Amino acid sequence: AAMAGGARRLYRRVLQLHRALPPALRDLGDRYVKEEFRRHKEAGPAEAQRFLREWEATLIQQQINEDKQNMREKAVYGIQLTEEKLNDFRDEQIGQLKELMDEATKPNKKITISKDSEYKT
């Protein structure tokens, strides 16, 4: 139960940090976070602990990037994954990262804002 409460707080904090992202990145990031947390809902204690530890580290890095951005007014998104961390990922996770990278780096992605503040790609 304590782990579930900690996971909920972490989940909410990550989504709160996403509010500072441009709309397209926010949507992409929110979907990714929701999928990842949903996938790990039934994880065993060791895997759940590792999952939460990695997301906490990511959250700290996001906060650092946000602070740097506020200081220099230049947007910085994401973190660099070390080879060691990548080697710890399962094939499915590597595939998800590839899909995320492909989606985030699509060329000529156009976003328009409509009257009702919705965005379209």
Protein backbone atom coordinates (compact mmCIF):
# COMPACT_ATOMS: atom_id res chain seq x y z
CA ALA A 1 0.00 0.00 0.00
CA ALA A 2 2.87 2.39 0.82
CA MET A 3 4.48 1.56 -2.53
CA ALA A 4 1.19 2.30 -4.32
CA GLY A 5 0.90 5.69 -2.60
CA GLY A 6 4.48 6.53 -3.51
CA ALA A 7 3.85 5.49 -7.11
CA ARG A 8 0.75 7.70 -7.30
CA ARG A 9 2.63 10.71 -5.94
CA LEU A 10 5.50 10.13 -8.36
CA TYR A 11 3.07 9.68 -11.27
CA ARG A 12 1.28 12.95 -10.44
CA ARG A 13 4.58 14.84 -10.08
CA VAL A 14 5.85 13.64 -13.47
CA LEU A 15 2.58 14.72 -15.11
CA GLN A 16 2.82 18.10 -13.34
CA LEU A 17 6.29 18.64 -14.77
CA HIS A 18 4.94 17.83 -18.23
CA ARG A 19 2.71 20.91 -18.01
CA ALA A 20 5.76 23.02 -18.89
CA LEU A 21 6.30 21.13 -22.17
CA PRO A 22 5.03 22.27 -25.55
CA PRO A 23 1.60 20.69 -26.24
CA ALA A 24 2.81 17.97 -28.63
CA LEU A 25 5.63 16.87 -26.31
CA ARG A 26 3.32 17.04 -23.30
CA ASP A 27 0.79 14.77 -24.99
CA LEU A 28 3.48 12.32 -26.07
CA GLY A 29 5.11 12.32 -22.63
CA ASP A 30 1.82 11.93 -20.78
CA ARG A 31 0.83 8.96 -22.93
CA TYR A 32 4.23 7.34 -22.40
CA VAL A 33 4.13 7.83 -18.62
CA LYS A 34 0.56 6.48 -18.37
CA GLU A 35 1.47 3.39 -20.39
CA GLU A 36 4.63 2.72 -18.38
CA PHE A 37 2.92 3.06 -15.00
CA ARG A 38 0.00 0.91 -16.19
CA ARG A 39 2.40 -1.78 -17.44
CA HIS A 40 4.20 -1.94 -14.11
CA LYS A 41 1.07 -1.94 -11.96
CA GLU A 42 1.34 -5.69 -11.35
CA ALA A 43 5.15 -5.85 -11.19
CA GLY A 44 6.83 -7.82 -8.44
CA PRO A 45 8.33 -5.94 -5.48
CA ALA A 46 11.92 -5.89 -6.83
CA GLU A 47 10.91 -4.74 -10.31
CA ALA A 48 8.45 -2.18 -8.89
CA GLN A 49 11.15 -0.75 -6.63
CA ARG A 50 13.60 -0.46 -9.52
CA PHE A 51 10.92 1.07 -11.75
CA LEU A 52 10.09 3.72 -9.15
CA ARG A 53 13.77 4.42 -8.44
CA GLU A 54 14.43 5.03 -12.15
CA TRP A 55 11.41 7.31 -12.49
CA GLU A 56 12.48 9.23 -9.39
CA ALA A 57 15.92 9.73 -10.96
CA THR A 58 14.24 10.89 -14.18
CA LEU A 59 12.02 13.26 -12.20
CA ILE A 60 15.05 14.78 -10.47
CA GLN A 61 16.77 15.22 -13.84
CA GLN A 62 13.64 16.87 -15.26
CA GLN A 63 13.57 19.27 -12.32
CA ILE A 64 17.25 20.11 -12.84
CA ASN A 65 16.60 20.73 -16.55
CA GLU A 66 13.61 22.91 -15.67
CA ASP A 67 15.77 24.97 -13.29
CA LYS A 68 18.48 25.34 -15.95
CA GLN A 69 15.85 26.34 -18.48
CA ASN A 70 14.48 29.00 -16.15
CA MET A 71 18.00 30.37 -15.68
CA ARG A 72 18.89 30.59 -19.37
CA GLU A 73 15.46 30.56 -21.05
CA LYS A 74 16.43 27.78 -23.45
CA ALA A 75 14.31 24.64 -23.54
CA VAL A 76 16.03 21.38 -22.63
CA TYR A 77 13.99 18.18 -22.80
CA GLY A 78 14.89 14.63 -21.85
CA ILE A 79 18.00 13.02 -20.44
CA GLN A 80 20.93 11.15 -21.96
CA LEU A 81 20.79 7.43 -21.20
CA THR A 82 24.10 5.75 -20.52
CA GLU A 83 25.04 2.54 -22.30
CA GLU A 84 24.91 0.79 -18.92
CA LYS A 85 21.29 1.85 -18.38
CA LEU A 86 20.35 0.86 -21.94
CA ASN A 87 21.87 -2.59 -21.38
CA ASP A 88 19.54 -3.07 -18.39
CA PHE A 89 16.44 -2.54 -20.54
CA ARG A 90 14.38 -5.42 -21.88
CA ASP A 91 13.92 -5.68 -25.66
CA GLU A 92 10.32 -4.45 -25.25
CA GLN A 93 11.56 -1.33 -23.42
CA ILE A 94 14.16 -0.62 -26.12
CA GLY A 95 11.37 -0.89 -28.70
CA GLN A 96 9.25 1.58 -26.73
CA LEU A 97 12.15 4.03 -26.51
CA LYS A 98 12.68 3.73 -30.26
CA GLU A 99 8.98 4.43 -30.89
CA LEU A 100 9.11 7.40 -28.53
CA MET A 101 12.23 8.77 -30.23
CA ASP A 102 10.69 8.29 -33.69
CA GLU A 103 7.51 10.08 -32.63
CA ALA A 104 9.39 12.94 -30.96
CA THR A 105 11.71 13.50 -33.93
CA LYS A 106 9.22 13.25 -36.78
CA PRO A 107 10.18 15.76 -39.46
CA ASN A 108 7.83 18.59 -40.41
CA LYS A 109 5.45 17.94 -37.53
CA LYS A 110 3.01 20.85 -37.63
CA ILE A 111 0.85 21.90 -34.74
CA THR A 112 -2.01 24.33 -35.13
CA ILE A 113 -4.03 25.85 -32.36
CA SER A 114 -7.78 26.02 -32.97
CA LYS A 115 -10.31 28.35 -31.36
CA ASP A 116 -11.16 25.82 -28.62
CA SER A 117 -7.46 25.51 -27.62
CA GLU A 118 -7.19 21.99 -28.94
CA TYR A 119 -4.15 21.13 -31.02
CA LYS A 120 -3.94 19.04 -34.13
CA THR A 121 -1.04 17.34 -35.87
